[in-house]
Amino acid sequence: MTRTGRILAIAALAVLPAGGLASPAQLTVKAVNKFQIARPAQTIELSAAQLAPIGEKDLARIHVKDAAGKELLCQAVDTDGDYTPDLVIFQADFAAGEARSFAVYSAGKQIYTRDQFKAYGRFARERFDDFAWENDRIAHRMYGKALESWVREPLASSTVDIWSKRVTRMVINDWYMVDNYHADTGEGADFYSAGPSQGCGGNGLWADEKLWLSKNFVNSRVLANGPIRVMFELTYEPFDVNGTMVAEMKRITLDAGQNLDRFQSFYKPPGGGGPLTTAIGLKKVADERVEFSGQRGFLAKWESVEKKAGYQGLAIVMDLKTYEKRAEDRLNLLLISKVGTDNVATYWAGFCWDKAGQFNDFNAWLMYVDNFSQALLSPIEVTVSGQ
């Protein structure tokens, strides 16, 4: 062999993995919607293990194209806060029963423009420690420790507040900047008064037929911040649950194109004991229309928005395997759910506003909530293979 030939042979071996076979240039992802209803804006998750054959350690360099060759927006996500992404997500629309395929490959590092962001959240020190988050459909906020001692309007509450928006672009930063978000200037506004209620899906623990609640969160951590998914954690000081002090950390996830957030409460009772029971609430208001389905595991309602600003729908969806009963107290409609042996409570909650143009009446909102609850039982099936 010539000297040049030996150099080329050595160079070829250098790019081979330990097994001696070159990694594929791309992977093929097949995703199937076995649910016989159309499902827009479905998030596909690919783990680091599934992506490993590409040989790319930096998941921020992963790209996705659909079958027509169109590049799709995707996001590397760090789910455990170690500053190393372990998931790549992207979204696609599915017709009833549709199967779709995608090409996944490594290229340049993802760089996003402001207009590409469909999900975002942040801690707002300037607003007494709010944490606010949004996607292209809805927005929320929860209250931090500083609000408990605000001299003008102190409030201790683990409620989930509603910010009604009628535009798809991100508005949180602008609304905090002008500090006039209780007035609708064409984008929506904060019309909702959550107060000490559980608002739109706040939760606590249920013991002795009573709701026991934490106060405001004391720390926050952002794990993912768009353009597709916002995911963050809120930490609470231990609170009394019928004579026992229990610590809690909430993890909240909201993806683009969705009206319901995923909530997870990680509880730490003394000695890791249990069993625990959680209660998830929707604030009671006058003249509300309420629909409950024990078979589907949801509680939905339709009500007037304050300041005569139209109507809104609210909902809670939970895993039927954990559902226990329906209840209420002075301020809230409640769904009671058993907490798993891991002391983690998981449920979904969210809302819509008729002026946003997505749901015009209660029937449309009920159909969305019902379909969402059924789709949880039939997730998009994903398989990954070499090219």
Protein backbone atom coordinates (compact mmCIF):
# COMPACT_ATOMS: atom_id res chain seq x y z
CA MET A 1 0.00 0.00 0.00
CA THR A 2 1.28 3.44 -0.83
CA ARG A 3 1.90 6.04 1.88
CA THR A 4 -1.12 8.02 0.63
CA GLY A 5 -3.29 4.92 0.78
CA ARG A 6 -2.23 4.18 4.37
CA ILE A 7 -3.11 7.73 5.44
CA LEU A 8 -6.58 7.48 3.88
CA ALA A 9 -7.17 4.10 5.53
CA ILE A 10 -6.16 5.44 8.94
CA ALA A 11 -8.40 8.49 8.47
CA ALA A 12 -11.34 6.26 7.59
CA LEU A 13 -10.82 4.13 10.71
CA ALA A 14 -10.65 7.26 12.87
CA VAL A 15 -14.28 8.15 12.13
CA LEU A 16 -15.59 4.68 12.94
CA PRO A 17 -17.09 3.96 16.38
CA ALA A 18 -15.67 1.21 18.59
CA GLY A 19 -17.86 -1.41 16.90
CA GLY A 20 -16.23 -0.65 13.56
CA LEU A 21 -19.39 0.51 11.76
CA ALA A 22 -19.95 4.12 10.74
CA SER A 23 -22.86 5.96 12.37
CA PRO A 24 -25.77 6.74 10.02
CA ALA A 25 -25.95 10.26 8.61
CA GLN A 26 -29.52 10.45 9.84
CA LEU A 27 -32.28 8.57 11.61
CA THR A 28 -35.84 7.99 10.48
CA VAL A 29 -38.63 8.70 12.95
CA LYS A 30 -42.05 7.20 12.32
CA ALA A 31 -44.95 8.62 14.34
CA VAL A 32 -48.47 7.20 14.28
CA ASN A 33 -51.70 8.73 15.57
CA LYS A 34 -53.87 5.70 16.34
CA PHE A 35 -56.52 8.00 17.81
CA GLN A 36 -59.32 8.49 15.27
CA ILE A 37 -59.44 12.24 15.79
CA ALA A 38 -57.17 14.90 14.29
CA ARG A 39 -54.43 16.05 16.67
CA PRO A 40 -52.73 19.37 15.85
CA ALA A 41 -49.48 20.55 17.45
CA GLN A 42 -48.42 17.20 18.86
CA THR A 43 -45.02 17.20 20.56
CA ILE A 44 -42.68 14.37 19.61
CA GLU A 45 -39.92 13.60 22.14
CA LEU A 46 -36.65 11.92 21.19
CA SER A 47 -34.34 10.86 24.00
CA ALA A 48 -30.57 11.09 23.96
CA ALA A 49 -30.46 7.28 23.82
CA GLN A 50 -32.67 7.21 20.73
CA LEU A 51 -30.48 9.84 19.07
CA ALA A 52 -27.17 8.23 20.05
CA PRO A 53 -26.63 6.44 16.68
CA ILE A 54 -26.19 9.83 15.01
CA GLY A 55 -23.07 10.31 17.11
CA GLU A 56 -23.84 13.91 18.06
CA LYS A 57 -23.14 14.78 21.70
CA ASP A 58 -24.56 18.31 21.48
CA LEU A 59 -28.33 17.85 21.09
CA ALA A 60 -28.68 21.56 20.23
CA ARG A 61 -27.23 20.55 16.83
CA ILE A 62 -30.04 18.09 16.05
CA HIS A 63 -32.36 19.03 13.16
CA VAL A 64 -35.62 17.51 11.88
CA LYS A 65 -37.22 17.50 8.44
CA ASP A 66 -40.63 16.17 7.42
CA ALA A 67 -41.22 13.79 4.52
CA ALA A 68 -41.46 16.72 2.10
CA GLY A 69 -38.03 17.98 3.13
CA LYS A 70 -39.28 20.96 5.14
CA GLU A 71 -37.18 21.70 8.21
CA LEU A 72 -39.23 21.77 11.42
CA LEU A 73 -38.68 23.83 14.52
CA CYS A 74 -37.09 21.69 17.23
CA GLN A 75 -35.70 22.27 20.73
CA ALA A 76 -33.12 20.53 22.90
CA VAL A 77 -34.44 20.15 26.47
CA ASP A 78 -32.59 19.60 29.73
CA THR A 79 -35.11 17.77 31.93
CA ASP A 80 -32.94 17.33 35.02
CA GLY A 81 -31.18 20.68 35.31
CA ASP A 82 -27.63 19.39 34.78
CA TYR A 83 -27.08 21.86 31.89
CA THR A 84 -26.90 19.00 29.38
CA PRO A 85 -29.95 18.45 27.14
CA ASP A 86 -31.33 14.92 27.25
CA LEU A 87 -34.33 15.34 24.93
CA VAL A 88 -35.02 16.84 21.53
CA ILE A 89 -38.61 17.83 20.82
CA PHE A 90 -40.46 18.94 17.71
CA GLN A 91 -44.12 19.28 16.75
CA ALA A 92 -46.34 18.02 13.96
CA ASP A 93 -50.03 17.95 13.05
CA PHE A 94 -51.74 14.58 12.61
CA ALA A 95 -54.97 13.70 10.88
CA ALA A 96 -57.13 10.95 12.39
CA GLY A 97 -55.19 7.69 12.19
CA GLU A 98 -52.33 9.30 10.29
CA ALA A 99 -48.75 7.99 10.20
CA ARG A 100 -45.92 10.41 9.41
CA SER A 101 -42.17 10.06 8.97
CA PHE A 102 -39.34 12.48 9.71
CA ALA A 103 -35.61 12.65 9.09
CA VAL A 104 -33.37 13.50 12.07
CA TYR A 105 -29.77 14.52 11.57
CA SER A 106 -26.93 16.65 12.94
CA ALA A 107 -26.06 20.05 11.46
CA GLY A 108 -25.28 23.53 12.77
CA LYS A 109 -26.29 24.57 16.29
CA GLN A 110 -29.90 25.74 16.50
CA ILE A 111 -30.22 29.53 16.60
CA TYR A 112 -33.74 30.91 17.06
CA THR A 113 -35.31 34.21 16.13
CA ARG A 114 -37.74 36.02 18.41
CA ASP A 115 -40.64 35.27 16.05
CA GLN A 116 -40.06 31.52 16.37
CA PHE A 117 -40.83 31.46 20.09
CA LYS A 118 -44.17 29.85 20.91
CA ALA A 119 -43.49 29.24 24.62
CA TYR A 120 -41.68 31.31 27.23
CA GLY A 121 -41.57 31.97 30.97
CA ARG A 122 -39.63 33.94 33.56
CA PHE A 123 -39.27 34.99 37.16
CA ALA A 124 -40.34 38.62 37.62
CA ARG A 125 -38.55 40.13 40.61
CA GLU A 126 -39.96 43.56 39.76
CA ARG A 127 -43.52 42.27 40.30
CA PHE A 128 -43.06 40.92 43.85
CA ASP A 129 -41.57 37.60 42.68
CA ASP A 130 -44.18 36.52 40.14
CA PHE A 131 -43.41 33.61 37.90
CA ALA A 132 -45.21 34.10 34.57
CA TRP A 133 -45.32 31.81 31.56
CA GLU A 134 -47.13 31.58 28.23
CA ASN A 135 -47.44 29.89 24.88
CA ASP A 136 -49.08 30.95 21.63
CA ARG A 137 -52.56 30.46 23.17
CA ILE A 138 -52.60 31.21 26.90
CA ALA A 139 -50.63 32.80 29.74
CA HIS A 140 -50.44 32.31 33.51
CA ARG A 141 -48.63 33.51 36.57
CA MET A 142 -48.05 32.26 40.12
CA TYR A 143 -47.06 34.25 43.17
CA GLY A 144 -43.69 34.40 44.91
CA LYS A 145 -42.68 35.09 48.50
CA ALA A 146 -42.42 38.90 48.20
CA LEU A 147 -46.14 39.25 47.54
CA GLU A 148 -46.97 37.87 50.99
CA SER A 149 -45.67 41.06 52.62
CA TRP A 150 -46.52 43.71 50.00
CA VAL A 151 -47.80 46.69 51.97
CA ARG A 152 -50.59 47.55 49.50
CA GLU A 153 -52.14 44.16 48.81
CA PRO A 154 -50.44 41.24 50.59
CA LEU A 155 -51.49 37.82 49.31
CA ALA A 156 -50.48 34.34 50.42
CA SER A 157 -51.73 31.89 47.81
CA SER A 158 -50.48 28.98 45.70
CA THR A 159 -53.16 29.77 43.12
CA VAL A 160 -52.70 29.61 39.33
CA ASP A 161 -53.65 32.96 37.78
CA ILE A 162 -54.94 33.56 34.24
CA TRP A 163 -53.67 36.12 31.72
CA SER A 164 -56.04 36.21 28.74
CA LYS A 165 -54.27 36.88 25.44
CA ARG A 166 -55.69 37.18 21.94
CA VAL A 167 -52.39 37.17 20.02
CA THR A 168 -50.02 34.30 19.31
CA ARG A 169 -46.82 36.23 19.98
CA MET A 170 -45.16 36.32 23.41
CA VAL A 171 -46.47 39.18 25.57
CA ILE A 172 -45.20 38.65 29.12
CA ASN A 173 -42.17 40.94 28.90
CA ASP A 174 -44.13 43.73 27.22
CA TRP A 175 -46.97 43.56 29.74
CA TYR A 176 -44.63 43.75 32.70
CA MET A 177 -42.69 46.58 31.03
CA VAL A 178 -45.68 48.90 30.56
CA ASP A 179 -47.26 47.76 33.87
CA ASN A 180 -50.76 48.24 32.51
CA TYR A 181 -51.82 44.63 31.94
CA HIS A 182 -55.24 45.02 33.53
CA ALA A 183 -56.32 47.06 30.48
CA ASP A 184 -56.87 45.42 27.09
CA THR A 185 -55.08 47.44 24.41
CA GLY A 186 -55.72 44.85 21.72
CA GLU A 187 -53.61 41.94 22.95
CA GLY A 188 -55.66 40.84 25.96
CA ALA A 189 -55.21 41.53 29.67
CA ASP A 190 -55.26 40.19 33.21
CA PHE A 191 -59.00 40.10 33.86
CA TYR A 192 -58.92 37.26 36.39
CA SER A 193 -58.95 37.62 40.18
CA ALA A 194 -57.61 34.34 41.53
CA GLY A 195 -57.06 35.64 45.07
CA PRO A 196 -56.90 32.95 47.77
CA SER A 197 -58.76 30.41 45.59
CA GLN A 198 -57.00 27.72 43.55
CA GLY A 199 -57.74 29.71 40.38
CA CYS A 200 -57.09 27.64 37.26
CA GLY A 201 -55.76 24.35 38.57
CA GLY A 202 -53.91 25.12 41.77
CA ASN A 203 -53.62 22.16 44.11
CA GLY A 204 -53.01 21.20 47.70
CA LEU A 205 -53.24 18.11 49.87
CA TRP A 206 -56.54 16.63 51.07
CA ALA A 207 -56.79 15.28 54.61
CA ASP A 208 -59.64 15.00 57.10
CA GLU A 209 -62.02 16.12 54.31
CA LYS A 210 -60.22 19.45 54.09
CA LEU A 211 -57.90 21.23 51.63
CA TRP A 212 -54.45 22.03 53.06
CA LEU A 213 -52.41 24.59 51.14
CA SER A 214 -48.87 25.88 50.86
CA LYS A 215 -48.14 29.59 50.71
CA ASN A 216 -46.27 31.36 47.89
CA PHE A 217 -43.25 29.72 46.24
CA VAL A 218 -39.82 30.64 47.61
CA ASN A 219 -37.56 29.59 44.74
CA SER A 220 -37.80 28.94 41.00
CA ARG A 221 -35.73 27.19 38.34
CA VAL A 222 -36.25 27.24 34.58
CA LEU A 223 -35.44 23.97 32.78
CA ALA A 224 -36.71 24.77 29.27
CA ASN A 225 -37.60 28.14 27.82
CA GLY A 226 -38.84 27.79 24.26
CA PRO A 227 -39.24 28.01 21.43
CA ILE A 228 -41.59 24.99 21.77
CA ARG A 229 -41.69 24.13 25.47
CA VAL A 230 -41.46 26.08 28.69
CA MET A 231 -40.77 23.96 31.77
CA PHE A 232 -39.91 25.22 35.24
CA GLU A 233 -39.94 24.28 38.91
CA LEU A 234 -41.28 26.17 41.93
CA THR A 235 -40.19 25.27 45.45
CA TYR A 236 -42.41 25.82 48.51
CA GLU A 237 -41.65 25.90 52.21
CA PRO A 238 -43.07 22.95 54.18
CA PHE A 239 -46.72 23.46 55.06
CA ASP A 240 -49.09 21.96 57.59
CA VAL A 241 -51.21 19.02 56.46
CA ASN A 242 -53.43 18.03 59.36
CA GLY A 243 -50.56 18.22 61.84
CA THR A 244 -47.77 17.04 59.52
CA MET A 245 -45.33 19.34 57.73
CA VAL A 246 -44.94 18.46 54.04
CA ALA A 247 -42.49 20.03 51.55
CA GLU A 248 -43.39 20.48 47.88
CA MET A 249 -41.81 21.23 44.53
CA LYS A 250 -44.04 21.86 41.51
CA ARG A 251 -42.90 21.22 37.95
CA ILE A 252 -45.04 22.89 35.27
CA THR A 253 -44.77 22.21 31.54
CA LEU A 254 -46.54 24.00 28.69
CA ASP A 255 -46.00 23.25 25.00
CA ALA A 256 -46.88 25.38 22.01
CA GLY A 257 -50.37 24.93 20.58
CA GLN A 258 -51.89 23.62 23.82
CA ASN A 259 -54.49 25.05 26.22
CA LEU A 260 -53.67 22.72 29.11
CA ASP A 261 -50.50 22.75 31.23
CA ARG A 262 -49.00 19.64 32.79
CA PHE A 263 -48.59 19.99 36.57
CA GLN A 264 -46.51 17.72 38.77
CA SER A 265 -46.26 18.15 42.54
CA PHE A 266 -43.32 16.37 44.14
CA TYR A 267 -44.11 15.99 47.84
CA LYS A 268 -41.71 15.19 50.67
CA PRO A 269 -43.59 14.04 53.78
CA PRO A 270 -41.54 13.25 56.90
CA GLY A 271 -39.76 9.93 56.49
CA GLY A 272 -41.12 9.63 52.95
CA GLY A 273 -44.41 8.39 54.37
CA GLY A 274 -47.83 8.34 52.80
CA PRO A 275 -50.23 7.66 51.29
CA LEU A 276 -51.07 11.22 50.25
CA THR A 277 -54.15 12.60 48.52
CA THR A 278 -54.17 15.76 46.41
CA ALA A 279 -57.05 18.11 45.60
CA ILE A 280 -56.99 20.19 42.40
CA GLY A 281 -59.26 23.22 42.20
CA LEU A 282 -61.07 25.63 39.91
CA LYS A 283 -62.28 28.88 41.44
CA LYS A 284 -66.06 29.10 41.91
CA VAL A 285 -67.83 32.03 40.25
CA ALA A 286 -71.45 33.07 39.85
CA ASP A 287 -73.53 31.65 36.99
CA GLU A 288 -70.86 29.20 35.87
CA ARG A 289 -71.74 26.18 33.74
CA VAL A 290 -70.02 23.02 34.94
CA GLU A 291 -69.48 19.65 33.28
CA PHE A 292 -67.92 16.71 35.10
CA SER A 293 -67.00 13.32 33.62
CA GLY A 294 -65.90 10.57 35.96
CA GLN A 295 -65.45 8.26 32.98
CA ARG A 296 -63.08 10.67 31.24
CA GLY A 297 -61.50 12.13 34.37
CA PHE A 298 -62.18 15.81 33.74
CA LEU A 299 -63.93 18.80 35.28
CA ALA A 300 -64.69 21.65 32.88
CA LYS A 301 -66.59 24.89 33.17
CA TRP A 302 -67.64 28.01 31.26
CA GLU A 303 -68.01 31.42 32.86
CA SER A 304 -68.15 35.14 32.25
CA VAL A 305 -64.86 37.02 32.26
CA GLU A 306 -64.64 39.97 34.63
CA LYS A 307 -65.14 43.49 33.20
CA LYS A 308 -67.60 42.01 30.66
CA ALA A 309 -64.66 40.80 28.57
CA GLY A 310 -66.38 37.78 27.04
CA TYR A 311 -66.31 34.19 28.31
CA GLN A 312 -63.67 31.70 29.33
CA GLY A 313 -63.47 27.96 29.79
CA LEU A 314 -61.41 26.28 32.52
CA ALA A 315 -60.63 22.60 32.97
CA ILE A 316 -58.81 19.96 35.00
CA VAL A 317 -57.88 16.58 33.49
CA MET A 318 -56.44 13.73 35.54
CA ASP A 319 -55.37 10.13 35.20
CA LEU A 320 -58.41 7.91 35.75
CA LYS A 321 -56.23 5.45 37.68
CA THR A 322 -55.66 8.04 40.40
CA TYR A 323 -59.08 9.75 40.47
CA GLU A 324 -60.95 9.32 43.73
CA LYS A 325 -63.93 11.67 43.92
CA ARG A 326 -65.32 15.11 43.30
CA ALA A 327 -65.62 17.66 46.13
CA GLU A 328 -65.79 21.37 46.81
CA ASP A 329 -65.11 23.91 49.50
CA ARG A 330 -66.12 27.54 49.97
CA LEU A 331 -63.92 28.84 47.15
CA ASN A 332 -63.27 25.93 44.80
CA LEU A 333 -64.65 23.09 42.77
CA LEU A 334 -62.29 20.18 43.46
CA LEU A 335 -61.17 16.87 42.04
CA ILE A 336 -59.60 14.54 44.59
CA SER A 337 -56.80 12.27 43.40
CA LYS A 338 -54.59 9.68 45.03
CA VAL A 339 -50.87 10.45 45.00
CA GLY A 340 -48.60 7.62 43.84
CA THR A 341 -46.19 5.76 46.07
CA ASP A 342 -43.46 8.02 44.67
CA ASN A 343 -45.30 10.98 46.26
CA VAL A 344 -45.74 12.67 42.86
CA ALA A 345 -49.15 14.03 41.82
CA THR A 346 -49.67 14.60 38.07
CA TYR A 347 -52.57 16.32 36.33
CA TRP A 348 -53.38 18.79 33.54
CA ALA A 349 -55.19 22.13 33.84
CA GLY A 350 -55.74 25.19 31.70
CA PHE A 351 -58.20 27.52 30.05
CA CYS A 352 -59.43 29.28 26.93
CA TRP A 353 -60.86 32.75 26.17
CA ASP A 354 -63.53 33.15 23.52
CA LYS A 355 -62.03 36.43 22.27
CA ALA A 356 -58.83 34.57 21.33
CA GLY A 357 -60.82 32.93 18.54
CA GLN A 358 -60.03 29.29 19.38
CA PHE A 359 -63.23 28.25 21.17
CA ASN A 360 -66.42 30.21 20.69
CA ASP A 361 -68.69 28.41 23.14
CA PHE A 362 -68.86 25.81 25.91
CA ASN A 363 -69.54 22.93 23.51
CA ALA A 364 -66.34 23.62 21.58
CA TRP A 365 -64.36 23.82 24.83
CA LEU A 366 -65.89 20.56 26.11
CA MET A 367 -64.98 18.78 22.89
CA TYR A 368 -61.36 19.91 23.24
CA VAL A 369 -61.15 18.80 26.88
CA ASP A 370 -62.83 15.47 26.12
CA ASN A 371 -60.50 14.78 23.19
CA PHE A 372 -57.50 15.76 25.30
CA SER A 373 -58.49 13.31 28.05
CA GLN A 374 -58.94 10.48 25.54
CA ALA A 375 -55.68 11.28 23.74
CA LEU A 376 -53.78 10.79 27.02
CA LEU A 377 -54.75 7.12 26.74
CA SER A 378 -53.54 6.93 23.13
CA PRO A 379 -50.28 8.86 22.81
CA ILE A 380 -48.53 9.28 19.46
CA GLU A 381 -46.53 6.09 18.89
CA VAL A 382 -42.92 6.81 17.93
CA THR A 383 -40.28 4.47 16.50
CA VAL A 384 -36.72 5.40 15.55
CA SER A 385 -34.58 3.52 13.04
CA GLY A 386 -31.44 4.01 10.93
CA GLN A 387 -31.71 5.49 7.48
